[in-house]
Amino acid sequence: MLRWITGITQKIECRAAKSRALYWLASQYYRDVIHREIELAGITESDHILCIGGGICPFSAILFHQVTGARVTVIDNNTACVPQARRVIERLGLGGHVRVFCQDGGSAELSLSDYSVVHFALQVSPMERVFPRVEGRVAHGTRLLVRRPKSRLSGLYGRLPGFAAACCGHIVHRARNIGSTLLYVKGERLHEEKVVVHGVSDPAPSLCPVAA
């Protein structure tokens, strides 16, 4: 089923990559999500973000840079998507700020030392394998943002390991299929967490929902 969703997404992105008007229209879906994620993780211009999963049109990566000025590196394990994503970025004049490489997020060869934020796309698969491998090798204090689907769609996407549910914060989205984004900070404990829902801070500790 996830392959079916990925296929539909790629068709939309393929059309958006060829049309400025369609690109702008499709990117609107992610704008509110990105602004909420930036607030949740406290992303600034000084950060270097790794986006795992970008697709043909790496909307999120591009918006992260456009909104904050942060450097962004995108990796995707689909060899057909990467050249097209690079063309989209060059067409937008962002080649010096957003880079795209063909690499698997779960690969032991992936270097993670240069990133202060790691962002996991909703369709990263298998999430239960990729997330632990990345989390285990990032530096102390690295912020990991993990998108999770709406509850009704949770069976279509990869599950997170149990410990990842004890995150440091989360934010709920109004998007059609993205239910929430979880924030996990390497080295922080559960009782230090801060939960953010619709931009409202709640200092009381609680477990983050996998979906909303």
N, C-alpha and C. Protein backbone atom coordinates (compact mmCIF):
# COMPACT_ATOMS: atom_id res chain seq x y z
N MET A 1 0.81 -1.21 0.00
CA MET A 1 0.00 0.00 0.00
C MET A 1 0.85 1.27 0.00
N LEU A 2 1.98 1.22 0.75
CA LEU A 2 2.88 2.38 0.77
C LEU A 2 3.43 2.66 -0.61
N ARG A 3 3.70 1.62 -1.40
CA ARG A 3 4.19 1.82 -2.76
C ARG A 3 3.16 2.56 -3.60
N TRP A 4 1.88 2.26 -3.36
CA TRP A 4 0.81 2.92 -4.09
C TRP A 4 0.78 4.40 -3.75
N ILE A 5 0.92 4.73 -2.46
CA ILE A 5 0.94 6.12 -2.03
C ILE A 5 2.14 6.84 -2.61
N THR A 6 3.29 6.18 -2.57
CA THR A 6 4.51 6.76 -3.12
C THR A 6 4.36 7.03 -4.61
N GLY A 7 3.72 6.09 -5.32
CA GLY A 7 3.51 6.25 -6.75
C GLY A 7 2.65 7.46 -7.08
N ILE A 8 1.57 7.65 -6.32
CA ILE A 8 0.70 8.81 -6.52
C ILE A 8 1.46 10.10 -6.24
N THR A 9 2.22 10.09 -5.16
CA THR A 9 3.00 11.28 -4.79
C THR A 9 3.99 11.63 -5.89
N GLN A 10 4.66 10.63 -6.45
CA GLN A 10 5.65 10.88 -7.50
C GLN A 10 5.00 11.43 -8.76
N LYS A 11 3.78 11.00 -9.07
CA LYS A 11 3.09 11.53 -10.24
C LYS A 11 2.78 13.01 -10.06
N ILE A 12 2.35 13.37 -8.86
CA ILE A 12 2.05 14.77 -8.57
C ILE A 12 3.33 15.60 -8.66
N GLU A 13 4.39 15.09 -8.04
CA GLU A 13 5.66 15.81 -8.03
C GLU A 13 6.26 15.92 -9.42
N CYS A 14 6.07 14.90 -10.23
CA CYS A 14 6.61 14.93 -11.60
C CYS A 14 5.97 16.06 -12.39
N ARG A 15 4.68 16.26 -12.23
CA ARG A 15 4.00 17.35 -12.92
C ARG A 15 4.42 18.70 -12.35
N ALA A 16 4.57 18.75 -11.03
CA ALA A 16 4.97 20.01 -10.39
C ALA A 16 6.38 20.42 -10.79
N ALA A 17 7.24 19.43 -11.04
CA ALA A 17 8.62 19.72 -11.42
C ALA A 17 8.71 20.38 -12.79
N LYS A 18 7.68 20.24 -13.59
CA LYS A 18 7.69 20.77 -14.95
C LYS A 18 6.92 22.08 -15.08
N SER A 19 6.27 22.51 -14.00
CA SER A 19 5.45 23.71 -14.08
C SER A 19 5.62 24.56 -12.83
N ARG A 20 6.00 25.81 -12.99
CA ARG A 20 6.17 26.70 -11.84
C ARG A 20 4.84 26.89 -11.11
N ALA A 21 3.76 27.00 -11.87
CA ALA A 21 2.44 27.21 -11.25
C ALA A 21 2.03 26.00 -10.43
N LEU A 22 2.23 24.81 -10.98
CA LEU A 22 1.87 23.59 -10.25
C LEU A 22 2.79 23.38 -9.06
N TYR A 23 4.08 23.75 -9.21
CA TYR A 23 5.01 23.62 -8.09
C TYR A 23 4.54 24.50 -6.94
N TRP A 24 4.22 25.75 -7.23
CA TRP A 24 3.79 26.67 -6.18
C TRP A 24 2.52 26.14 -5.52
N LEU A 25 1.58 25.65 -6.32
CA LEU A 25 0.32 25.14 -5.76
C LEU A 25 0.57 23.94 -4.86
N ALA A 26 1.38 22.99 -5.31
CA ALA A 26 1.66 21.79 -4.52
C ALA A 26 2.43 22.11 -3.25
N SER A 27 3.30 23.10 -3.31
CA SER A 27 4.12 23.44 -2.14
C SER A 27 3.29 24.05 -1.02
N GLN A 28 2.12 24.60 -1.34
CA GLN A 28 1.28 25.21 -0.31
C GLN A 28 0.85 24.19 0.74
N TYR A 29 0.76 22.94 0.35
CA TYR A 29 0.36 21.87 1.28
C TYR A 29 1.34 21.78 2.45
N TYR A 30 2.62 22.08 2.18
CA TYR A 30 3.65 21.88 3.19
C TYR A 30 3.98 23.14 4.00
N ARG A 31 3.52 24.30 3.58
CA ARG A 31 3.96 25.54 4.20
C ARG A 31 3.63 25.61 5.69
N ASP A 32 2.40 25.35 6.04
CA ASP A 32 2.03 25.41 7.45
C ASP A 32 2.76 24.34 8.26
N VAL A 33 2.90 23.15 7.67
CA VAL A 33 3.62 22.05 8.33
C VAL A 33 5.05 22.47 8.64
N ILE A 34 5.72 23.06 7.66
CA ILE A 34 7.11 23.48 7.83
C ILE A 34 7.25 24.56 8.90
N HIS A 35 6.37 25.53 8.90
CA HIS A 35 6.44 26.58 9.90
C HIS A 35 6.27 26.01 11.30
N ARG A 36 5.40 25.03 11.47
CA ARG A 36 5.20 24.40 12.77
C ARG A 36 6.43 23.59 13.17
N GLU A 37 7.02 22.90 12.22
CA GLU A 37 8.21 22.11 12.53
C GLU A 37 9.40 22.99 12.89
N ILE A 38 9.52 24.12 12.23
CA ILE A 38 10.59 25.07 12.55
C ILE A 38 10.43 25.58 13.97
N GLU A 39 9.19 25.90 14.35
CA GLU A 39 8.91 26.38 15.71
C GLU A 39 9.20 25.27 16.73
N LEU A 40 8.77 24.07 16.43
CA LEU A 40 8.95 22.94 17.35
C LEU A 40 10.42 22.67 17.64
N ALA A 41 11.25 22.67 16.61
CA ALA A 41 12.67 22.33 16.77
C ALA A 41 13.56 23.55 16.97
N GLY A 42 13.00 24.74 16.88
CA GLY A 42 13.80 25.95 17.05
C GLY A 42 14.87 26.09 15.98
N ILE A 43 14.51 25.80 14.74
CA ILE A 43 15.48 25.83 13.64
C ILE A 43 15.81 27.27 13.26
N THR A 44 17.10 27.53 13.07
CA THR A 44 17.56 28.86 12.69
C THR A 44 18.51 28.77 11.50
N GLU A 45 18.99 29.93 11.08
CA GLU A 45 19.91 30.01 9.94
C GLU A 45 21.21 29.25 10.20
N SER A 46 21.59 29.10 11.44
CA SER A 46 22.86 28.45 11.77
C SER A 46 22.80 26.93 11.70
N ASP A 47 21.63 26.37 11.54
CA ASP A 47 21.49 24.92 11.49
C ASP A 47 21.86 24.35 10.12
N HIS A 48 22.24 23.08 10.13
CA HIS A 48 22.42 22.31 8.90
C HIS A 48 21.47 21.13 9.01
N ILE A 49 20.49 21.09 8.12
CA ILE A 49 19.41 20.11 8.18
C ILE A 49 19.65 18.98 7.20
N LEU A 50 19.48 17.76 7.66
CA LEU A 50 19.48 16.59 6.78
C LEU A 50 18.04 16.13 6.62
N CYS A 51 17.55 16.14 5.38
CA CYS A 51 16.20 15.65 5.09
C CYS A 51 16.32 14.25 4.50
N ILE A 52 15.81 13.26 5.19
CA ILE A 52 15.82 11.89 4.69
C ILE A 52 14.51 11.65 3.96
N GLY A 53 14.62 11.53 2.65
CA GLY A 53 13.44 11.39 1.79
C GLY A 53 13.08 12.75 1.22
N GLY A 54 13.23 12.89 -0.09
CA GLY A 54 12.95 14.18 -0.71
C GLY A 54 12.03 14.09 -1.91
N GLY A 55 12.15 12.98 -2.64
CA GLY A 55 11.31 12.82 -3.82
C GLY A 55 11.76 13.69 -4.99
N ILE A 56 10.92 13.76 -5.99
CA ILE A 56 11.22 14.54 -7.19
C ILE A 56 11.22 16.03 -6.90
N CYS A 57 10.28 16.47 -6.08
CA CYS A 57 10.21 17.86 -5.65
C CYS A 57 10.41 17.91 -4.14
N PRO A 58 11.60 18.21 -3.67
CA PRO A 58 11.85 18.23 -2.22
C PRO A 58 11.27 19.49 -1.58
N PHE A 59 9.94 19.55 -1.55
CA PHE A 59 9.25 20.74 -1.05
C PHE A 59 9.72 21.14 0.35
N SER A 60 9.76 20.16 1.25
CA SER A 60 10.10 20.47 2.65
C SER A 60 11.51 21.04 2.77
N ALA A 61 12.46 20.41 2.11
CA ALA A 61 13.84 20.87 2.17
C ALA A 61 13.96 22.30 1.65
N ILE A 62 13.30 22.58 0.55
CA ILE A 62 13.35 23.92 -0.05
C ILE A 62 12.72 24.95 0.88
N LEU A 63 11.58 24.59 1.48
CA LEU A 63 10.90 25.52 2.38
C LEU A 63 11.70 25.73 3.66
N PHE A 64 12.35 24.69 4.17
CA PHE A 64 13.20 24.86 5.35
C PHE A 64 14.24 25.95 5.10
N HIS A 65 14.84 25.91 3.92
CA HIS A 65 15.86 26.92 3.60
C HIS A 65 15.22 28.28 3.37
N GLN A 66 14.15 28.33 2.61
CA GLN A 66 13.54 29.61 2.27
C GLN A 66 13.02 30.35 3.51
N VAL A 67 12.52 29.61 4.47
CA VAL A 67 11.96 30.23 5.68
C VAL A 67 13.04 30.62 6.68
N THR A 68 14.06 29.77 6.85
CA THR A 68 15.05 30.00 7.91
C THR A 68 16.43 30.43 7.41
N GLY A 69 16.75 30.12 6.16
CA GLY A 69 18.09 30.40 5.64
C GLY A 69 19.08 29.30 5.97
N ALA A 70 18.63 28.23 6.63
CA ALA A 70 19.51 27.13 7.01
C ALA A 70 20.00 26.37 5.78
N ARG A 71 21.20 25.78 5.89
CA ARG A 71 21.68 24.87 4.85
C ARG A 71 20.91 23.57 4.95
N VAL A 72 20.62 22.97 3.80
CA VAL A 72 19.84 21.73 3.79
C VAL A 72 20.48 20.73 2.84
N THR A 73 20.61 19.50 3.32
CA THR A 73 21.07 18.39 2.49
C THR A 73 19.94 17.36 2.44
N VAL A 74 19.64 16.90 1.25
CA VAL A 74 18.57 15.93 1.05
C VAL A 74 19.17 14.62 0.56
N ILE A 75 18.71 13.51 1.12
CA ILE A 75 19.10 12.20 0.58
C ILE A 75 17.85 11.42 0.24
N ASP A 76 17.94 10.66 -0.84
CA ASP A 76 16.84 9.82 -1.28
C ASP A 76 17.45 8.58 -1.92
N ASN A 77 16.85 7.42 -1.67
CA ASN A 77 17.43 6.19 -2.22
C ASN A 77 16.85 5.82 -3.58
N ASN A 78 16.03 6.70 -4.15
CA ASN A 78 15.46 6.47 -5.48
C ASN A 78 16.36 7.17 -6.50
N THR A 79 17.08 6.37 -7.28
CA THR A 79 18.04 6.93 -8.23
C THR A 79 17.38 7.77 -9.32
N ALA A 80 16.09 7.51 -9.61
CA ALA A 80 15.40 8.27 -10.65
C ALA A 80 14.97 9.64 -10.14
N CYS A 81 14.72 9.77 -8.84
CA CYS A 81 14.24 11.04 -8.28
C CYS A 81 15.33 12.08 -8.13
N VAL A 82 16.53 11.65 -7.80
CA VAL A 82 17.60 12.58 -7.45
C VAL A 82 17.94 13.57 -8.57
N PRO A 83 18.17 13.13 -9.82
CA PRO A 83 18.49 14.10 -10.88
C PRO A 83 17.36 15.11 -11.10
N GLN A 84 16.12 14.65 -10.99
CA GLN A 84 14.99 15.55 -11.19
C GLN A 84 14.90 16.56 -10.05
N ALA A 85 15.18 16.11 -8.82
CA ALA A 85 15.16 17.01 -7.67
C ALA A 85 16.23 18.09 -7.82
N ARG A 86 17.40 17.69 -8.31
CA ARG A 86 18.48 18.66 -8.50
C ARG A 86 18.09 19.71 -9.53
N ARG A 87 17.38 19.30 -10.57
CA ARG A 87 16.95 20.25 -11.59
C ARG A 87 15.95 21.25 -11.01
N VAL A 88 15.03 20.77 -10.17
CA VAL A 88 14.05 21.65 -9.54
C VAL A 88 14.77 22.70 -8.68
N ILE A 89 15.75 22.26 -7.90
CA ILE A 89 16.49 23.15 -7.01
C ILE A 89 17.30 24.17 -7.81
N GLU A 90 17.94 23.74 -8.88
CA GLU A 90 18.71 24.65 -9.71
C GLU A 90 17.79 25.67 -10.38
N ARG A 91 16.62 25.23 -10.81
CA ARG A 91 15.68 26.13 -11.46
C ARG A 91 15.22 27.23 -10.50
N LEU A 92 15.18 26.90 -9.20
CA LEU A 92 14.79 27.88 -8.19
C LEU A 92 15.97 28.73 -7.72
N GLY A 93 17.16 28.44 -8.26
CA GLY A 93 18.34 29.21 -7.89
C GLY A 93 18.87 28.91 -6.50
N LEU A 94 18.62 27.67 -6.02
CA LEU A 94 19.00 27.31 -4.65
C LEU A 94 20.11 26.27 -4.59
N GLY A 95 20.81 26.08 -5.70
CA GLY A 95 21.85 25.05 -5.76
C GLY A 95 22.95 25.21 -4.73
N GLY A 96 23.20 26.43 -4.30
CA GLY A 96 24.26 26.65 -3.32
C GLY A 96 23.81 26.47 -1.88
N HIS A 97 22.51 26.24 -1.69
CA HIS A 97 21.96 26.15 -0.34
C HIS A 97 21.30 24.80 -0.04
N VAL A 98 20.76 24.17 -1.06
CA VAL A 98 20.08 22.88 -0.89
C VAL A 98 20.74 21.86 -1.81
N ARG A 99 21.34 20.82 -1.23
CA ARG A 99 22.02 19.79 -2.02
C ARG A 99 21.25 18.48 -1.93
N VAL A 100 21.34 17.70 -3.01
CA VAL A 100 20.62 16.42 -3.06
C VAL A 100 21.57 15.31 -3.44
N PHE A 101 21.52 14.21 -2.70
CA PHE A 101 22.37 13.05 -2.97
C PHE A 101 21.54 11.77 -2.97
N CYS A 102 22.02 10.80 -3.71
CA CYS A 102 21.36 9.49 -3.72
C CYS A 102 22.03 8.64 -2.64
N GLN A 103 21.30 8.37 -1.57
CA GLN A 103 21.83 7.57 -0.48
C GLN A 103 20.67 7.05 0.37
N ASP A 104 20.89 5.91 1.00
CA ASP A 104 19.88 5.31 1.86
C ASP A 104 20.04 5.85 3.28
N GLY A 105 18.94 6.27 3.88
CA GLY A 105 18.99 6.82 5.22
C GLY A 105 19.45 5.84 6.28
N GLY A 106 19.26 4.55 6.01
CA GLY A 106 19.67 3.54 6.97
C GLY A 106 21.06 3.00 6.75
N SER A 107 21.78 3.55 5.80
CA SER A 107 23.12 3.06 5.47
C SER A 107 24.13 3.42 6.55
N ALA A 108 24.99 2.46 6.87
CA ALA A 108 26.06 2.70 7.85
C ALA A 108 27.11 3.65 7.28
N GLU A 109 27.12 3.85 5.97
CA GLU A 109 28.08 4.73 5.32
C GLU A 109 27.65 6.20 5.37
N LEU A 110 26.43 6.45 5.80
CA LEU A 110 25.93 7.81 5.86
C LEU A 110 26.61 8.58 6.99
N SER A 111 27.27 9.68 6.64
CA SER A 111 27.93 10.51 7.64
C SER A 111 26.91 11.47 8.25
N LEU A 112 26.87 11.51 9.59
CA LEU A 112 25.86 12.31 10.28
C LEU A 112 26.46 13.40 11.17
N SER A 113 27.75 13.53 11.18
CA SER A 113 28.41 14.43 12.12
C SER A 113 28.18 15.91 11.85
N ASP A 114 27.78 16.26 10.64
CA ASP A 114 27.69 17.67 10.25
C ASP A 114 26.30 18.27 10.44
N TYR A 115 25.34 17.46 10.92
CA TYR A 115 23.95 17.93 10.97
C TYR A 115 23.48 18.21 12.38
N SER A 116 22.78 19.32 12.55
CA SER A 116 22.19 19.66 13.85
C SER A 116 20.72 19.28 13.90
N VAL A 117 20.12 19.06 12.72
CA VAL A 117 18.71 18.65 12.63
C VAL A 117 18.60 17.55 11.58
N VAL A 118 17.87 16.49 11.91
CA VAL A 118 17.59 15.43 10.94
C VAL A 118 16.07 15.32 10.80
N HIS A 119 15.59 15.39 9.58
CA HIS A 119 14.14 15.36 9.31
C HIS A 119 13.79 14.09 8.55
N PHE A 120 12.82 13.34 9.05
CA PHE A 120 12.38 12.10 8.43
C PHE A 120 11.04 12.33 7.73
N ALA A 121 11.01 12.12 6.42
CA ALA A 121 9.77 12.27 5.66
C ALA A 121 8.76 11.20 6.08
N LEU A 122 7.51 11.48 5.82
CA LEU A 122 6.44 10.55 6.20
C LEU A 122 6.62 9.18 5.56
N GLN A 123 7.14 9.14 4.34
CA GLN A 123 7.22 7.89 3.60
C GLN A 123 8.55 7.17 3.73
N VAL A 124 9.40 7.59 4.67
CA VAL A 124 10.64 6.84 4.90
C VAL A 124 10.29 5.42 5.30
N SER A 125 10.90 4.46 4.63
CA SER A 125 10.55 3.06 4.89
C SER A 125 11.78 2.16 4.69
N PRO A 126 11.95 1.19 5.64
CA PRO A 126 11.14 0.97 6.86
C PRO A 126 11.59 1.89 7.99
N MET A 127 10.67 2.70 8.51
CA MET A 127 11.00 3.66 9.55
C MET A 127 11.59 2.97 10.78
N GLU A 128 11.07 1.78 11.09
CA GLU A 128 11.54 1.07 12.28
C GLU A 128 13.00 0.63 12.17
N ARG A 129 13.55 0.65 10.96
CA ARG A 129 14.97 0.34 10.77
C ARG A 129 15.81 1.61 10.61
N VAL A 130 15.29 2.55 9.84
CA VAL A 130 16.06 3.76 9.55
C VAL A 130 16.23 4.65 10.78
N PHE A 131 15.15 4.89 11.53
CA PHE A 131 15.23 5.79 12.67
C PHE A 131 16.27 5.35 13.71
N PRO A 132 16.25 4.10 14.17
CA PRO A 132 17.26 3.70 15.19
C PRO A 132 18.69 3.81 14.69
N ARG A 133 18.92 3.51 13.41
CA ARG A 133 20.27 3.57 12.88
C ARG A 133 20.78 5.01 12.83
N VAL A 134 19.89 5.94 12.52
CA VAL A 134 20.29 7.34 12.49
C VAL A 134 20.44 7.88 13.91
N GLU A 135 19.44 7.63 14.75
CA GLU A 135 19.47 8.14 16.13
C GLU A 135 20.68 7.64 16.90
N GLY A 136 21.10 6.42 16.62
CA GLY A 136 22.23 5.86 17.34
C GLY A 136 23.57 6.46 16.97
N ARG A 137 23.63 7.21 15.87
CA ARG A 137 24.93 7.72 15.40
C ARG A 137 25.01 9.25 15.35
N VAL A 138 23.92 9.95 15.65
CA VAL A 138 23.99 11.42 15.63
C VAL A 138 24.62 11.91 16.93
N ALA A 139 25.10 13.14 16.91
CA ALA A 139 25.75 13.73 18.08
C ALA A 139 24.74 14.10 19.15
N HIS A 140 25.21 14.19 20.37
CA HIS A 140 24.39 14.61 21.50
C HIS A 140 23.79 15.98 21.21
N GLY A 141 22.50 16.12 21.42
CA GLY A 141 21.82 17.39 21.19
C GLY A 141 21.21 17.53 19.81
N THR A 142 21.49 16.60 18.91
CA THR A 142 20.90 16.66 17.57
C THR A 142 19.38 16.52 17.67
N ARG A 143 18.68 17.36 16.93
CA ARG A 143 17.22 17.30 16.93
C ARG A 143 16.73 16.45 15.76
N LEU A 144 15.86 15.49 16.06
CA LEU A 144 15.31 14.62 15.03
C LEU A 144 13.81 14.87 14.93
N LEU A 145 13.37 15.24 13.74
CA LEU A 145 11.96 15.50 13.47
C LEU A 145 11.39 14.36 12.65
N VAL A 146 10.34 13.72 13.17
CA VAL A 146 9.77 12.55 12.51
C VAL A 146 8.30 12.78 12.22
N ARG A 147 7.94 12.81 10.97
CA ARG A 147 6.53 12.96 10.61
C ARG A 147 5.78 11.64 10.76
N ARG A 148 4.56 11.75 11.30
CA ARG A 148 3.72 10.58 11.48
C ARG A 148 2.37 10.82 10.83
N PRO A 149 1.72 9.76 10.35
CA PRO A 149 0.45 9.93 9.63
C PRO A 149 -0.74 10.12 10.55
N LYS A 150 -1.86 10.50 9.97
CA LYS A 150 -3.13 10.53 10.70
C LYS A 150 -3.42 9.12 11.20
N SER A 151 -4.16 9.03 12.28
CA SER A 151 -4.46 7.73 12.89
C SER A 151 -5.08 6.76 11.89
N ARG A 152 -5.98 7.25 11.07
CA ARG A 152 -6.68 6.37 10.13
C ARG A 152 -5.75 5.81 9.05
N LEU A 153 -4.56 6.42 8.90
CA LEU A 153 -3.62 5.98 7.88
C LEU A 153 -2.38 5.30 8.47
N SER A 154 -2.35 5.16 9.79
CA SER A 154 -1.14 4.68 10.45
C SER A 154 -0.71 3.29 10.00
N GLY A 155 -1.66 2.46 9.58
CA GLY A 155 -1.33 1.11 9.13
C GLY A 155 -0.62 1.07 7.80
N LEU A 156 -0.61 2.19 7.09
CA LEU A 156 0.00 2.23 5.76
C LEU A 156 1.48 2.64 5.81
N TYR A 157 1.93 3.09 6.98
CA TYR A 157 3.29 3.59 7.09
C TYR A 157 4.08 2.80 8.13
N GLY A 158 5.40 2.92 8.07
CA GLY A 158 6.26 2.19 8.99
C GLY A 158 6.08 2.63 10.43
N ARG A 159 6.27 1.71 11.37
CA ARG A 159 6.12 2.01 12.78
C ARG A 159 7.46 2.47 13.37
N LEU A 160 7.36 3.29 14.42
CA LEU A 160 8.56 3.72 15.14
C LEU A 160 8.86 2.74 16.26
N PRO A 161 10.13 2.61 16.63
CA PRO A 161 10.48 1.79 17.79
C PRO A 161 9.79 2.35 19.03
N GLY A 162 9.54 1.52 20.02
CA GLY A 162 8.82 1.94 21.20
C GLY A 162 9.43 3.13 21.92
N PHE A 163 10.76 3.17 22.02
CA PHE A 163 11.39 4.25 22.78
C PHE A 163 11.21 5.60 22.10
N ALA A 164 10.99 5.60 20.79
CA ALA A 164 10.87 6.86 20.07
C ALA A 164 9.57 7.59 20.41
N ALA A 165 8.57 6.85 20.93
CA ALA A 165 7.31 7.50 21.29
C ALA A 165 7.50 8.42 22.49
N ALA A 166 8.54 8.16 23.30
CA ALA A 166 8.83 9.02 24.45
C ALA A 166 9.67 10.19 23.97
N CYS A 167 9.09 11.01 23.12
CA CYS A 167 9.85 12.09 22.48
C CYS A 167 9.87 13.33 23.36
N CYS A 168 10.57 14.33 22.91
CA CYS A 168 10.73 15.57 23.68
C CYS A 168 9.66 16.60 23.36
N GLY A 169 8.87 16.35 22.37
CA GLY A 169 7.80 17.26 22.02
C GLY A 169 7.12 16.80 20.75
N HIS A 170 5.95 17.34 20.47
CA HIS A 170 5.28 17.01 19.21
C HIS A 170 4.38 18.17 18.83
N ILE A 171 4.00 18.20 17.59
CA ILE A 171 3.08 19.21 17.12
C ILE A 171 2.08 18.56 16.17
N VAL A 172 0.84 18.96 16.28
CA VAL A 172 -0.24 18.38 15.48
C VAL A 172 -0.48 19.25 14.25
N HIS A 173 -0.73 18.61 13.12
CA HIS A 173 -0.93 19.33 11.86
C HIS A 173 -2.38 19.25 11.38
N ARG A 174 -2.71 20.17 10.50
CA ARG A 174 -4.02 20.17 9.86
C ARG A 174 -3.96 19.57 8.46
N ALA A 175 -2.79 19.10 8.06
CA ALA A 175 -2.62 18.55 6.72
C ALA A 175 -3.47 17.29 6.53
N ARG A 176 -3.72 16.94 5.29
CA ARG A 176 -4.64 15.84 4.99
C ARG A 176 -4.13 14.50 5.49
N ASN A 177 -2.86 14.19 5.28
CA ASN A 177 -2.36 12.87 5.69
C ASN A 177 -1.25 12.93 6.75
N ILE A 178 -0.64 14.09 6.96
CA ILE A 178 0.37 14.22 8.01
C ILE A 178 -0.34 14.56 9.31
N GLY A 179 -0.29 13.64 10.27
CA GLY A 179 -0.99 13.86 11.52
C GLY A 179 -0.21 14.69 12.50
N SER A 180 1.08 14.40 12.65
CA SER A 180 1.90 15.10 13.63
C SER A 180 3.36 14.98 13.28
N THR A 181 4.16 15.78 13.93
CA THR A 181 5.62 15.67 13.85
C THR A 181 6.14 15.50 15.26
N LEU A 182 6.96 14.48 15.46
CA LEU A 182 7.56 14.22 16.77
C LEU A 182 8.96 14.81 16.80
N LEU A 183 9.33 15.38 17.92
CA LEU A 183 10.69 15.90 18.12
C LEU A 183 11.40 15.02 19.13
N TYR A 184 12.54 14.47 18.72
CA TYR A 184 13.36 13.66 19.61
C TYR A 184 14.74 14.30 19.63
N VAL A 185 15.21 14.67 20.82
CA VAL A 185 16.53 15.30 20.95
C VAL A 185 17.50 14.29 21.56
N LYS A 186 18.56 13.99 20.85
CA LYS A 186 19.53 12.98 21.30
C LYS A 186 20.10 13.37 22.66
N GLY A 187 19.92 12.48 23.63
CA GLY A 187 20.49 12.69 24.95
C GLY A 187 19.54 13.28 25.97
N GLU A 188 18.37 13.80 25.52
CA GLU A 188 17.42 14.35 26.48
C GLU A 188 16.53 13.26 27.03
N ARG A 189 16.13 13.42 28.30
CA ARG A 189 15.30 12.42 28.96
C ARG A 189 13.83 12.82 28.90
N LEU A 190 12.96 11.83 29.14
CA LEU A 190 11.53 12.05 29.02
C LEU A 190 11.02 13.16 29.93
N HIS A 191 11.51 13.24 31.16
CA HIS A 191 10.96 14.23 32.09
C HIS A 191 11.35 15.65 31.73
N GLU A 192 12.24 15.80 30.74
CA GLU A 192 12.63 17.15 30.30
C GLU A 192 11.82 17.60 29.10
N GLU A 193 10.91 16.76 28.66
CA GLU A 193 10.23 17.05 27.40
C GLU A 193 9.28 18.25 27.47
N LYS A 194 9.01 18.79 26.32
CA LYS A 194 8.09 19.90 26.16
C LYS A 194 7.18 19.55 25.01
N VAL A 195 5.89 19.54 25.26
CA VAL A 195 4.94 19.15 24.22
C VAL A 195 4.32 20.40 23.61
N VAL A 196 4.30 20.47 22.29
CA VAL A 196 3.74 21.62 21.59
C VAL A 196 2.64 21.13 20.67
N VAL A 197 1.44 21.62 20.86
CA VAL A 197 0.31 21.24 20.03
C VAL A 197 -0.33 22.50 19.48
N HIS A 198 -0.41 22.60 18.17
CA HIS A 198 -0.95 23.79 17.51
C HIS A 198 -0.28 25.06 18.00
N GLY A 199 1.04 24.97 18.27
CA GLY A 199 1.80 26.14 18.65
C GLY A 199 1.66 26.56 20.10
N VAL A 200 0.95 25.76 20.92
CA VAL A 200 0.78 26.09 22.34
C VAL A 200 1.68 25.18 23.16
N SER A 201 2.51 25.76 24.02
CA SER A 201 3.44 24.97 24.82
C SER A 201 2.75 24.41 26.06
N ASP A 202 3.09 23.17 26.40
CA ASP A 202 2.58 22.52 27.59
C ASP A 202 3.76 21.89 28.29
N PRO A 203 4.21 22.44 29.44
CA PRO A 203 5.41 21.93 30.10
C PRO A 203 5.23 20.59 30.79
N ALA A 204 4.01 20.10 30.91
CA ALA A 204 3.77 18.84 31.61
C ALA A 204 4.27 17.66 30.78
N PRO A 205 5.05 16.75 31.38
CA PRO A 205 5.55 15.59 30.65
C PRO A 205 4.42 14.66 30.23
N SER A 206 4.54 14.10 29.05
CA SER A 206 3.58 13.11 28.57
C SER A 206 4.19 12.40 27.39
N LEU A 207 3.65 11.26 27.06
CA LEU A 207 4.13 10.53 25.91
C LEU A 207 3.59 11.14 24.65
N CYS A 208 4.40 11.24 23.62
CA CYS A 208 3.95 11.80 22.36
C CYS A 208 3.13 10.76 21.60
N PRO A 209 2.05 11.16 20.98
CA PRO A 209 1.27 10.22 20.18
C PRO A 209 2.01 9.89 18.90
N VAL A 210 1.84 8.70 18.41
CA VAL A 210 2.44 8.32 17.13
C VAL A 210 1.71 9.01 16.01
N ALA A 211 0.45 9.27 16.18
CA ALA A 211 -0.33 9.97 15.17
C ALA A 211 -1.40 10.78 15.88
N ALA A 212 -2.00 11.72 15.16
CA ALA A 212 -3.04 12.54 15.76
C ALA A 212 -4.23 12.58 14.85
